[in-house]
Amino acid sequence: MTDLNVEAIRAEVRAMNFTRGTPAEVAQWREDLAESRANLAIEDMTPTPNEDAFFDMLLEEGVSPSLMSQILLRLYDHPNADRSLPITPMRIGPAE
């Protein structure tokens, strides 16, 4: 993944209208994410500190795993992304 501007994305997430997870749900999502990170490490695909900060921020904001996936798709301007999400796609590639 490209380095993400976590605080800029946080501002966009905070402006979104979505149902935030309860503290109990967020705690469960944290456990699930920790397990996923451990599996990635086993596969020698350890997330970068920036990626960890991005996912930690999303959990702090109460974002569900399914919405996390949609936010990532939108950030990368993936064809399957929900274009209605108010997330600014990242510019990838050389500067013009």
N, C-alpha and C. Protein backbone atom coordinates (compact mmCIF):
# COMPACT_ATOMS: atom_id res chain seq x y z
N MET A 1 0.84 -1.18 0.00
CA MET A 1 0.00 0.00 0.00
C MET A 1 0.88 1.24 0.00
N THR A 2 0.40 2.27 -0.58
CA THR A 2 1.06 3.56 -0.58
C THR A 2 0.86 4.20 0.79
N ASP A 3 1.80 5.09 1.20
CA ASP A 3 1.60 5.78 2.46
C ASP A 3 0.29 6.56 2.43
N LEU A 4 -0.48 6.36 3.47
CA LEU A 4 -1.80 6.99 3.58
C LEU A 4 -1.71 8.20 4.50
N ASN A 5 -2.39 9.28 4.15
CA ASN A 5 -2.48 10.45 5.00
C ASN A 5 -3.60 10.17 6.00
N VAL A 6 -3.23 9.55 7.11
CA VAL A 6 -4.21 9.06 8.07
C VAL A 6 -5.10 10.18 8.61
N GLU A 7 -4.54 11.32 8.92
CA GLU A 7 -5.35 12.40 9.49
C GLU A 7 -6.30 13.01 8.46
N ALA A 8 -5.90 13.09 7.21
CA ALA A 8 -6.81 13.60 6.17
C ALA A 8 -7.96 12.62 5.97
N ILE A 9 -7.64 11.33 5.99
CA ILE A 9 -8.69 10.32 5.84
C ILE A 9 -9.61 10.34 7.06
N ARG A 10 -9.02 10.53 8.26
CA ARG A 10 -9.84 10.62 9.47
C ARG A 10 -10.88 11.74 9.34
N ALA A 11 -10.46 12.89 8.83
CA ALA A 11 -11.39 14.01 8.67
C ALA A 11 -12.54 13.63 7.73
N GLU A 12 -12.24 12.91 6.67
CA GLU A 12 -13.28 12.49 5.75
C GLU A 12 -14.21 11.46 6.39
N VAL A 13 -13.62 10.53 7.15
CA VAL A 13 -14.42 9.52 7.84
C VAL A 13 -15.34 10.18 8.86
N ARG A 14 -14.82 11.14 9.60
CA ARG A 14 -15.65 11.83 10.60
C ARG A 14 -16.82 12.57 9.98
N ALA A 15 -16.65 13.00 8.74
CA ALA A 15 -17.72 13.73 8.05
C ALA A 15 -18.76 12.79 7.46
N MET A 16 -18.46 11.49 7.45
CA MET A 16 -19.39 10.52 6.87
C MET A 16 -20.56 10.24 7.81
N ASN A 17 -21.68 9.92 7.21
CA ASN A 17 -22.87 9.55 7.97
C ASN A 17 -22.98 8.02 7.94
N PHE A 18 -22.59 7.37 9.03
CA PHE A 18 -22.69 5.91 9.12
C PHE A 18 -22.88 5.54 10.58
N THR A 19 -23.36 4.35 10.82
CA THR A 19 -23.57 3.87 12.17
C THR A 19 -22.23 3.36 12.72
N ARG A 20 -21.75 4.02 13.74
CA ARG A 20 -20.48 3.63 14.34
C ARG A 20 -20.68 2.41 15.24
N GLY A 21 -19.63 1.61 15.33
CA GLY A 21 -19.69 0.42 16.17
C GLY A 21 -19.76 0.78 17.64
N THR A 22 -20.37 -0.10 18.40
CA THR A 22 -20.41 0.06 19.86
C THR A 22 -19.03 -0.28 20.41
N PRO A 23 -18.74 0.12 21.64
CA PRO A 23 -17.44 -0.25 22.22
C PRO A 23 -17.20 -1.77 22.19
N ALA A 24 -18.23 -2.56 22.43
CA ALA A 24 -18.07 -4.02 22.39
C ALA A 24 -17.76 -4.51 20.97
N GLU A 25 -18.44 -3.94 19.99
CA GLU A 25 -18.17 -4.33 18.60
C GLU A 25 -16.75 -3.95 18.20
N VAL A 26 -16.35 -2.73 18.54
CA VAL A 26 -15.00 -2.28 18.19
C VAL A 26 -13.95 -3.16 18.86
N ALA A 27 -14.19 -3.57 20.09
CA ALA A 27 -13.25 -4.47 20.78
C ALA A 27 -13.14 -5.79 20.03
N GLN A 28 -14.26 -6.32 19.56
CA GLN A 28 -14.23 -7.57 18.78
C GLN A 28 -13.50 -7.36 17.46
N TRP A 29 -13.76 -6.24 16.80
CA TRP A 29 -13.09 -5.95 15.53
C TRP A 29 -11.59 -5.82 15.74
N ARG A 30 -11.18 -5.23 16.87
CA ARG A 30 -9.74 -5.13 17.18
C ARG A 30 -9.11 -6.51 17.31
N GLU A 31 -9.80 -7.40 18.00
CA GLU A 31 -9.30 -8.78 18.15
C GLU A 31 -9.20 -9.45 16.78
N ASP A 32 -10.21 -9.29 15.97
CA ASP A 32 -10.21 -9.89 14.63
C ASP A 32 -9.07 -9.33 13.78
N LEU A 33 -8.87 -8.02 13.87
CA LEU A 33 -7.80 -7.38 13.10
C LEU A 33 -6.43 -7.86 13.58
N ALA A 34 -6.28 -8.02 14.89
CA ALA A 34 -5.00 -8.52 15.42
C ALA A 34 -4.72 -9.92 14.89
N GLU A 35 -5.74 -10.74 14.82
CA GLU A 35 -5.58 -12.09 14.28
C GLU A 35 -5.20 -12.04 12.79
N SER A 36 -5.83 -11.15 12.05
CA SER A 36 -5.50 -10.99 10.63
C SER A 36 -4.07 -10.53 10.45
N ARG A 37 -3.64 -9.58 11.30
CA ARG A 37 -2.26 -9.09 11.23
C ARG A 37 -1.28 -10.22 11.52
N ALA A 38 -1.60 -11.07 12.49
CA ALA A 38 -0.72 -12.20 12.81
C ALA A 38 -0.62 -13.14 11.62
N ASN A 39 -1.74 -13.39 10.96
CA ASN A 39 -1.72 -14.24 9.77
C ASN A 39 -0.90 -13.62 8.65
N LEU A 40 -0.99 -12.32 8.49
CA LEU A 40 -0.17 -11.64 7.48
C LEU A 40 1.31 -11.77 7.79
N ALA A 41 1.65 -11.67 9.06
CA ALA A 41 3.06 -11.80 9.46
C ALA A 41 3.58 -13.20 9.14
N ILE A 42 2.74 -14.20 9.36
CA ILE A 42 3.13 -15.58 9.04
C ILE A 42 3.41 -15.71 7.55
N GLU A 43 2.65 -15.00 6.74
CA GLU A 43 2.82 -15.04 5.29
C GLU A 43 3.89 -14.06 4.81
N ASP A 44 4.65 -13.47 5.74
CA ASP A 44 5.69 -12.49 5.44
C ASP A 44 5.12 -11.26 4.71
N MET A 45 3.95 -10.85 5.15
CA MET A 45 3.29 -9.67 4.59
C MET A 45 2.93 -8.71 5.73
N THR A 46 3.87 -8.47 6.61
CA THR A 46 3.64 -7.64 7.78
C THR A 46 3.24 -6.22 7.36
N PRO A 47 2.13 -5.72 7.90
CA PRO A 47 1.72 -4.35 7.57
C PRO A 47 2.77 -3.33 8.03
N THR A 48 2.85 -2.23 7.29
CA THR A 48 3.76 -1.16 7.66
C THR A 48 3.18 -0.39 8.85
N PRO A 49 4.01 0.39 9.52
CA PRO A 49 3.46 1.23 10.60
C PRO A 49 2.36 2.17 10.11
N ASN A 50 2.47 2.67 8.88
CA ASN A 50 1.45 3.55 8.34
C ASN A 50 0.14 2.79 8.12
N GLU A 51 0.23 1.56 7.63
CA GLU A 51 -0.98 0.75 7.44
C GLU A 51 -1.62 0.43 8.79
N ASP A 52 -0.79 0.11 9.78
CA ASP A 52 -1.31 -0.14 11.13
C ASP A 52 -2.03 1.10 11.67
N ALA A 53 -1.42 2.27 11.47
CA ALA A 53 -2.03 3.52 11.94
C ALA A 53 -3.36 3.78 11.24
N PHE A 54 -3.43 3.46 9.96
CA PHE A 54 -4.67 3.64 9.19
C PHE A 54 -5.79 2.78 9.78
N PHE A 55 -5.53 1.50 9.97
CA PHE A 55 -6.56 0.62 10.50
C PHE A 55 -6.90 0.94 11.95
N ASP A 56 -5.90 1.33 12.74
CA ASP A 56 -6.17 1.75 14.12
C ASP A 56 -7.09 2.97 14.13
N MET A 57 -6.82 3.92 13.23
CA MET A 57 -7.66 5.11 13.16
C MET A 57 -9.10 4.74 12.81
N LEU A 58 -9.27 3.84 11.84
CA LEU A 58 -10.63 3.44 11.46
C LEU A 58 -11.35 2.81 12.64
N LEU A 59 -10.65 2.00 13.42
CA LEU A 59 -11.28 1.41 14.60
C LEU A 59 -11.61 2.48 15.64
N GLU A 60 -10.70 3.44 15.82
CA GLU A 60 -10.98 4.54 16.76
C GLU A 60 -12.25 5.29 16.36
N GLU A 61 -12.50 5.36 15.06
CA GLU A 61 -13.68 6.07 14.56
C GLU A 61 -14.91 5.17 14.51
N GLY A 62 -14.78 3.90 14.92
CA GLY A 62 -15.92 3.00 14.98
C GLY A 62 -16.36 2.47 13.63
N VAL A 63 -15.44 2.39 12.68
CA VAL A 63 -15.75 1.92 11.33
C VAL A 63 -15.79 0.39 11.33
N SER A 64 -16.86 -0.16 10.77
CA SER A 64 -17.00 -1.62 10.69
C SER A 64 -16.04 -2.20 9.65
N PRO A 65 -15.71 -3.47 9.78
CA PRO A 65 -14.83 -4.10 8.80
C PRO A 65 -15.35 -3.99 7.36
N SER A 66 -16.65 -4.13 7.15
CA SER A 66 -17.17 -4.03 5.78
C SER A 66 -17.00 -2.62 5.22
N LEU A 67 -17.19 -1.60 6.06
CA LEU A 67 -16.99 -0.23 5.61
C LEU A 67 -15.50 0.05 5.41
N MET A 68 -14.64 -0.55 6.26
CA MET A 68 -13.19 -0.41 6.06
C MET A 68 -12.81 -0.84 4.65
N SER A 69 -13.35 -1.98 4.25
CA SER A 69 -13.05 -2.51 2.90
C SER A 69 -13.50 -1.53 1.83
N GLN A 70 -14.70 -0.97 2.01
CA GLN A 70 -15.21 -0.02 1.03
C GLN A 70 -14.36 1.26 0.99
N ILE A 71 -13.90 1.71 2.14
CA ILE A 71 -13.05 2.90 2.19
C ILE A 71 -11.75 2.63 1.45
N LEU A 72 -11.15 1.47 1.67
CA LEU A 72 -9.92 1.11 0.95
C LEU A 72 -10.14 1.08 -0.56
N LEU A 73 -11.23 0.45 -0.98
CA LEU A 73 -11.53 0.40 -2.41
C LEU A 73 -11.66 1.81 -2.98
N ARG A 74 -12.31 2.70 -2.23
CA ARG A 74 -12.49 4.08 -2.69
C ARG A 74 -11.15 4.83 -2.72
N LEU A 75 -10.31 4.60 -1.71
CA LEU A 75 -9.00 5.26 -1.69
C LEU A 75 -8.18 4.89 -2.92
N TYR A 76 -8.28 3.64 -3.33
CA TYR A 76 -7.53 3.17 -4.49
C TYR A 76 -8.32 3.31 -5.79
N ASP A 77 -9.49 3.94 -5.72
CA ASP A 77 -10.33 4.19 -6.89
C ASP A 77 -10.58 2.90 -7.67
N HIS A 78 -10.81 1.83 -6.93
CA HIS A 78 -11.07 0.52 -7.51
C HIS A 78 -12.41 0.54 -8.25
N PRO A 79 -12.53 -0.20 -9.36
CA PRO A 79 -13.80 -0.21 -10.10
C PRO A 79 -15.00 -0.67 -9.26
N ASN A 80 -14.78 -1.48 -8.24
CA ASN A 80 -15.87 -1.95 -7.39
C ASN A 80 -16.16 -1.02 -6.21
N ALA A 81 -15.47 0.10 -6.15
CA ALA A 81 -15.66 1.03 -5.03
C ALA A 81 -17.02 1.70 -5.09
N ASP A 82 -17.55 2.00 -3.93
CA ASP A 82 -18.79 2.76 -3.81
C ASP A 82 -18.45 4.23 -4.04
N ARG A 83 -18.79 4.73 -5.21
CA ARG A 83 -18.43 6.09 -5.59
C ARG A 83 -19.18 7.15 -4.77
N SER A 84 -20.20 6.73 -4.03
CA SER A 84 -20.94 7.69 -3.21
C SER A 84 -20.21 7.99 -1.89
N LEU A 85 -19.21 7.17 -1.55
CA LEU A 85 -18.47 7.45 -0.31
C LEU A 85 -17.70 8.75 -0.45
N PRO A 86 -17.78 9.63 0.54
CA PRO A 86 -17.08 10.91 0.46
C PRO A 86 -15.60 10.77 0.85
N ILE A 87 -14.93 9.84 0.20
CA ILE A 87 -13.50 9.60 0.44
C ILE A 87 -12.76 9.97 -0.84
N THR A 88 -11.74 10.79 -0.71
CA THR A 88 -10.97 11.23 -1.87
C THR A 88 -9.99 10.14 -2.27
N PRO A 89 -10.10 9.66 -3.52
CA PRO A 89 -9.13 8.65 -3.97
C PRO A 89 -7.71 9.21 -3.95
N MET A 90 -6.77 8.32 -3.65
CA MET A 90 -5.37 8.73 -3.63
C MET A 90 -4.85 8.85 -5.05
N ARG A 91 -3.90 9.73 -5.19
CA ARG A 91 -3.19 9.85 -6.46
C ARG A 91 -2.01 8.89 -6.39
N ILE A 92 -1.97 7.95 -7.31
CA ILE A 92 -0.89 6.98 -7.34
C ILE A 92 -0.13 7.15 -8.63
N GLY A 93 1.17 7.16 -8.53
CA GLY A 93 2.00 7.30 -9.71
C GLY A 93 2.86 8.54 -9.61
N PRO A 94 3.65 8.77 -10.64
CA PRO A 94 4.55 9.93 -10.62
C PRO A 94 3.79 11.24 -10.71
N ALA A 95 4.35 12.26 -10.08
CA ALA A 95 3.75 13.60 -10.15
C ALA A 95 3.90 14.13 -11.56
N GLU A 96 2.92 14.87 -11.98
CA GLU A 96 2.97 15.46 -13.32
C GLU A 96 3.54 16.84 -13.30
